[in-house]
Amino acid sequence: MLTVLLKGDAKQLVGQITDKTITVKGSVIDFKGKPEIIVTDHKLIVIQR
């Protein structure tokens, strides 16, 4: 499992990406032993169709 944390400008996508397949660009970090990507720019998330 991978956590994608939306911050800043990317927060506007919350309602649009729920239950959807997405592609995220960014660096994976270790947060308390679990992988996480922090996204601050909505352009780094693509909703797959």
Protein backbone atom coordinates (compact mmCIF):
# COMPACT_ATOMS: atom_id res chain seq x y z
CA MET A 1 0.00 0.00 0.00
CA LEU A 2 1.15 3.51 -0.84
CA THR A 3 -0.20 6.70 0.72
CA VAL A 4 -0.66 9.75 -1.50
CA LEU A 5 -0.90 12.91 0.60
CA LEU A 6 -2.53 15.88 -1.15
CA LYS A 7 -1.40 19.31 -0.02
CA GLY A 8 -1.73 22.83 -1.35
CA ASP A 9 -3.09 23.10 -4.89
CA ALA A 10 -3.54 19.31 -5.17
CA LYS A 11 -6.26 19.28 -2.48
CA GLN A 12 -8.80 20.43 -5.07
CA LEU A 13 -8.71 16.93 -6.61
CA VAL A 14 -10.02 15.05 -3.56
CA GLY A 15 -13.60 14.69 -4.82
CA GLN A 16 -12.47 13.91 -8.37
CA ILE A 17 -10.10 11.03 -7.58
CA THR A 18 -12.09 9.11 -4.98
CA ASP A 19 -12.50 5.48 -6.16
CA LYS A 20 -10.56 6.20 -9.37
CA THR A 21 -7.31 4.89 -10.78
CA ILE A 22 -4.68 7.62 -10.86
CA THR A 23 -1.09 8.11 -11.97
CA VAL A 24 1.07 10.19 -9.63
CA LYS A 25 4.47 11.73 -10.32
CA GLY A 26 6.74 12.37 -7.35
CA SER A 27 9.28 10.95 -4.97
CA VAL A 28 8.39 8.12 -2.65
CA ILE A 29 9.48 8.78 0.93
CA ASP A 30 9.43 6.61 4.02
CA PHE A 31 6.92 7.83 6.60
CA LYS A 32 6.93 5.78 9.79
CA GLY A 33 7.95 2.68 7.85
CA LYS A 34 5.36 3.12 5.09
CA PRO A 35 5.80 4.51 1.56
CA GLU A 36 4.24 7.91 0.87
CA ILE A 37 4.16 10.50 -1.91
CA ILE A 38 3.38 14.12 -1.01
CA VAL A 39 1.73 15.95 -3.92
CA THR A 40 1.40 19.74 -3.83
CA ASP A 41 0.67 20.42 -7.52
CA HIS A 42 -2.51 19.04 -9.12
CA LYS A 43 -0.65 18.72 -12.45
CA LEU A 44 1.30 15.78 -11.00
CA ILE A 45 -1.85 13.64 -10.80
CA VAL A 46 -3.51 12.15 -13.89
CA ILE A 47 -6.93 10.52 -13.62
CA GLN A 48 -7.00 7.37 -15.78
CA ARG A 49 -10.04 6.71 -17.97
